[in-house]
Protein backbone atom coordinates (compact mmCIF):
# COMPACT_ATOMS: atom_id res chain seq x y z
CA MET A 1 -0.54 16.29 -20.97
CA GLN A 2 -1.28 19.72 -22.43
CA ARG A 3 -3.98 21.80 -20.83
CA GLN A 4 -7.01 22.17 -23.08
CA GLY A 5 -10.63 23.11 -22.73
CA LEU A 6 -13.00 20.40 -21.52
CA SER A 7 -16.26 19.63 -23.22
CA SER A 8 -19.44 18.97 -21.29
CA SER A 9 -19.01 15.26 -22.07
CA SER A 10 -16.04 15.19 -19.67
CA TRP A 11 -18.47 15.66 -16.80
CA ARG A 12 -20.25 12.43 -17.77
CA LEU A 13 -17.06 10.38 -18.12
CA ARG A 14 -17.08 7.39 -15.75
CA ARG A 15 -14.11 5.29 -16.88
CA LEU A 16 -10.74 6.54 -18.13
CA TYR A 17 -7.88 4.34 -19.36
CA LEU A 18 -4.61 5.97 -20.46
CA SER A 19 -1.48 4.20 -21.70
CA ASN A 20 2.11 5.34 -22.28
CA LEU A 21 1.51 9.06 -21.75
CA TYR A 22 3.33 11.77 -19.84
CA LEU A 23 1.00 13.16 -17.18
CA ASP A 24 1.76 16.17 -14.99
CA ASP A 25 -0.20 18.30 -12.52
CA ASN A 26 -2.43 19.65 -15.30
CA PHE A 27 -3.87 16.16 -15.69
CA THR A 28 -4.95 15.90 -12.06
CA GLU A 29 -6.49 19.36 -12.25
CA HIS A 30 -8.64 18.10 -15.13
CA VAL A 31 -9.65 15.03 -13.11
CA SER A 32 -10.60 17.10 -10.06
CA SER A 33 -12.50 19.87 -11.84
CA GLY A 34 -13.68 18.40 -15.15
CA CYS A 35 -14.46 14.75 -14.40
CA GLN A 36 -17.04 15.01 -11.67
CA ASN A 37 -18.45 11.50 -12.29
CA LEU A 38 -15.20 9.61 -12.91
CA GLU A 39 -15.27 6.27 -11.08
CA ASP A 40 -12.52 4.16 -12.64
CA LEU A 41 -9.06 5.50 -13.55
CA GLU A 42 -6.27 3.29 -14.88
CA LEU A 43 -2.87 4.65 -15.93
CA LYS A 44 -0.81 1.92 -17.57
CA GLY A 45 2.81 2.55 -18.48
CA CYS A 46 2.33 6.30 -18.06
CA ARG A 47 5.07 8.53 -16.73
CA CYS A 48 3.21 10.31 -13.96
CA THR A 49 4.95 13.32 -12.43
CA PHE A 50 1.90 14.84 -10.76
CA HIS A 51 2.15 15.37 -7.03
CA GLU A 52 -1.45 15.00 -5.89
CA ILE A 53 -4.75 13.65 -7.14
CA SER A 54 -8.13 14.42 -5.63
CA SER A 55 -11.59 13.21 -6.61
CA HIS A 56 -14.93 12.93 -4.83
CA SER A 57 -16.32 10.32 -7.25
CA LEU A 58 -13.33 8.07 -8.01
CA LYS A 59 -13.91 4.47 -6.90
CA ASN A 60 -11.02 2.59 -8.53
CA LYS A 61 -7.49 3.76 -9.29
CA ASN A 62 -4.51 1.97 -10.81
CA CYS A 63 -1.35 4.00 -11.39
CA GLU A 64 2.40 4.06 -11.84
CA PHE A 65 4.09 7.21 -10.61
CA SER A 66 7.32 8.92 -9.64
CA LYS A 67 6.40 12.00 -7.59
CA LEU A 68 2.98 11.33 -6.10
CA SER A 69 2.65 12.67 -2.57
CA ALA A 70 -1.10 12.62 -1.87
CA ILE A 71 -4.25 10.75 -2.89
CA THR A 72 -7.56 12.10 -1.62
CA SER A 73 -10.85 10.44 -2.47
CA PRO A 74 -13.64 9.74 0.03
CA ALA A 75 -15.34 7.33 -2.43
CA LEU A 76 -12.21 5.37 -3.43
CA LYS A 77 -12.75 1.62 -2.98
CA SER A 78 -9.82 0.07 -4.88
CA LEU A 79 -6.29 1.48 -5.06
CA VAL A 80 -3.32 -0.03 -6.88
CA ILE A 81 0.03 1.79 -6.75
CA GLU A 82 3.10 0.74 -8.68
CA SER A 83 6.25 2.81 -8.22
CA TYR A 84 9.31 2.70 -10.43
CA SER A 85 12.61 4.54 -10.27
CA TYR A 86 12.35 7.59 -12.44
CA GLU A 87 14.30 10.62 -11.35
CA GLY A 88 15.14 10.68 -7.68
CA LEU A 89 12.35 8.76 -5.94
CA TYR A 90 14.12 7.47 -2.83
CA SER A 91 12.15 8.53 0.23
CA GLN A 92 8.73 9.49 -1.02
CA LEU A 93 6.05 10.25 1.54
CA VAL A 94 2.57 9.45 0.27
CA ILE A 95 -0.50 10.56 2.21
CA ILE A 96 -3.53 8.42 1.39
CA THR A 97 -6.92 9.78 2.45
CA ALA A 98 -9.35 7.09 1.36
CA PRO A 99 -11.52 5.96 4.29
CA ALA A 100 -13.72 3.74 2.09
CA VAL A 101 -10.93 1.76 0.42
CA ALA A 102 -11.51 -2.02 0.53
CA TYR A 103 -8.66 -3.23 -1.72
CA LEU A 104 -5.17 -1.79 -1.41
CA LEU A 105 -2.18 -2.99 -3.43
CA LEU A 106 1.21 -1.33 -2.94
CA TYR A 107 3.80 -2.74 -5.33
CA VAL A 108 6.87 -0.63 -4.72
CA GLU A 109 10.63 -0.85 -4.36
CA ALA A 110 11.60 -1.09 -0.70
CA TRP A 111 14.43 1.43 -0.99
CA HIS A 112 12.32 4.00 -2.82
CA PHE A 113 9.14 4.28 -0.84
CA LYS A 114 7.77 4.62 2.68
CA VAL A 115 4.04 4.41 3.23
CA LEU A 116 2.67 7.32 5.26
CA GLY A 117 5.88 7.75 7.23
CA GLU A 118 6.57 6.27 10.64
CA ASP A 119 4.13 8.24 12.78
CA PRO A 120 1.14 6.12 13.92
CA VAL A 121 -0.83 9.29 14.59
CA THR A 122 -0.92 10.12 10.86
CA PHE A 123 -1.67 6.56 9.77
CA PRO A 124 -5.26 6.32 8.47
CA ASN A 125 -7.97 4.03 9.76
CA PHE A 126 -8.98 1.73 6.90
CA ARG A 127 -12.39 0.71 8.21
CA ASN A 128 -13.49 -1.07 5.01
CA LEU A 129 -10.18 -2.62 3.97
CA THR A 130 -10.56 -6.36 3.34
CA THR A 131 -7.61 -7.09 1.01
CA LEU A 132 -4.06 -5.79 1.44
CA PHE A 133 -1.16 -6.62 -0.89
CA LEU A 134 2.33 -5.30 -0.07
CA GLY A 135 4.93 -6.01 -2.72
CA TYR A 136 8.62 -5.15 -2.25
CA CYS A 137 7.73 -2.90 0.68
CA ASP A 138 10.21 -2.01 3.40
CA LEU A 139 9.41 -3.91 6.62
CA SER A 140 12.91 -3.57 8.07
CA ASP A 141 11.58 -1.10 10.66
CA ASN A 142 10.81 -4.00 13.04
CA PHE A 143 7.56 -4.46 11.12
CA LYS A 144 6.15 -1.13 12.33
CA THR A 145 4.43 -0.49 8.99
CA LEU A 146 2.77 -3.89 9.21
CA GLU A 147 1.78 -3.18 12.79
CA TYR A 148 0.02 0.06 11.80
CA PHE A 149 -1.88 -1.65 8.99
CA LEU A 150 -3.07 -4.47 11.25
CA LYS A 151 -4.12 -2.12 14.03
CA ASN A 152 -6.01 0.16 11.64
CA SER A 153 -7.67 -2.47 9.43
CA ARG A 154 -9.97 -4.38 11.75
CA ASP A 155 -12.01 -5.92 8.88
CA LEU A 156 -8.99 -7.22 6.97
CA GLU A 157 -9.63 -10.66 5.43
CA ARG A 158 -6.62 -11.29 3.19
CA LEU A 159 -2.99 -10.17 3.54
CA THR A 160 -0.24 -10.86 1.00
CA LEU A 161 3.42 -9.91 1.53
CA ARG A 162 5.50 -10.40 -1.62
CA CYS A 163 9.29 -10.17 -1.49
CA CYS A 164 9.24 -7.53 1.21
CA LYS A 165 12.44 -6.25 2.75
CA PHE A 166 13.04 -7.57 6.25
CA SER A 167 15.57 -6.75 8.96
CA GLU A 168 19.06 -6.26 7.51
CA ASP A 169 20.79 -7.18 10.73
CA LEU A 170 18.81 -10.36 11.32
CA LYS A 171 21.88 -12.52 10.75
CA LYS A 172 23.80 -10.50 13.33
CA LYS A 173 21.02 -11.03 15.82
CA LYS A 174 21.07 -14.76 15.15
CA ALA A 175 24.74 -14.83 15.99
CA LYS A 176 24.04 -13.25 19.38
CA SER A 177 20.91 -15.21 20.15
CA LYS A 178 19.61 -18.49 18.75
CA ARG A 179 16.04 -17.35 19.00
CA ALA A 180 14.81 -13.81 18.51
CA SER A 181 11.95 -12.68 20.68
CA SER A 182 9.18 -11.45 18.39
CA SER A 183 7.22 -10.06 21.30
CA GLN A 184 10.00 -7.54 21.89
CA CYS A 185 9.76 -6.21 18.33
CA LEU A 186 6.20 -4.99 18.38
CA ASN A 187 3.32 -4.36 20.70
CA LEU A 188 0.53 -6.16 18.87
CA VAL A 189 -1.51 -7.15 21.89
CA ASP A 190 -4.41 -4.95 20.81
CA VAL A 191 -4.49 -6.21 17.22
CA GLN A 192 -7.96 -7.64 16.64
CA CYS A 193 -8.23 -8.84 13.02
CA GLU A 194 -10.97 -11.33 13.73
CA ASN A 195 -11.90 -11.62 10.04
CA LEU A 196 -8.39 -12.25 8.73
CA LYS A 197 -8.60 -15.64 7.02
CA HIS A 198 -5.48 -15.86 4.90
CA ILE A 199 -1.90 -14.57 5.08
CA GLU A 200 0.43 -15.39 2.20
CA ILE A 201 4.15 -14.69 2.48
CA ILE A 202 6.01 -14.87 -0.83
CA TYR A 203 9.76 -14.68 -0.26
CA LYS A 204 13.14 -15.22 -1.89
CA ASP A 205 15.57 -15.44 1.02
CA ASP A 206 15.35 -17.47 4.20
CA ASP A 207 14.91 -14.40 6.39
CA VAL A 208 11.18 -14.64 7.06
CA ARG A 209 11.38 -16.69 10.25
CA GLN A 210 11.10 -13.62 12.46
CA LEU A 211 7.96 -12.49 10.64
CA VAL A 212 6.36 -15.94 10.89
CA GLU A 213 7.14 -16.09 14.61
CA LEU A 214 5.62 -12.65 15.03
CA LEU A 215 2.38 -13.67 13.33
CA LEU A 216 2.21 -16.90 15.29
CA SER A 217 2.69 -14.96 18.53
CA ILE A 218 -0.53 -13.03 17.87
CA SER A 219 -2.43 -16.00 16.43
CA ALA A 220 -4.87 -15.84 19.36
CA ASN A 221 -6.07 -12.52 17.90
CA LEU A 222 -6.45 -14.09 14.45
CA PRO A 223 -8.84 -16.98 15.14
CA LYS A 224 -9.76 -17.69 11.49
CA ASN A 225 -6.35 -17.23 9.91
CA ASN A 226 -3.98 -19.58 8.14
CA ILE A 227 -0.46 -18.74 6.92
CA LYS A 228 0.89 -19.86 3.55
CA LEU A 229 4.62 -19.66 2.71
CA THR A 230 5.75 -19.61 -0.92
CA LYS A 231 9.41 -19.42 -1.90
CA VAL A 232 10.30 -18.02 -5.33
CA GLU A 233 13.60 -17.98 -7.18
């Protein structure tokens, strides 16, 4: 997107939908400085190579990207991220600063993307998050990423895990022990998602038993919850 002067009407823009464009860091500079009232941003089929986007007014964001490393928006309520393999996205660290977010959908390739790293200290507290959708995310870290989300999203009501990547050596563990101990994988004693009503696990392979056992082991902390399993081809 070429840098051009912005008219005064840009300041009044509230909704922006862009399709099939190339967007670089100049675009996010325009959003931050020239779109002070922008609330809804949707980038469909765009090749986004910008590294960071910041907005004090943005409430909804839907994007596909290749190099994004930071999203900062204190007003953001809905965030949808879809990541595809452009050039060299294999271990992308994305820092999300959005304390007001209530709906978070991460639809990413497991081998391309790690959410906020592995340090629980840097993991944000999603106080308003009620709906979380993780698609093709990497949970082969003994479900640590899931643990951080559950511990930092106390008002979560709905959780969907679609075709996520689980432990690669699960079959090896089964050979050594007939029953894996989920309680040894994570320390979820202090998880208190009292409002969590529905967990849906959409899977392809029969490797979700460990995850189901884990969730059942903390069911006492999820008094309103039910678990739905859906197998897809």
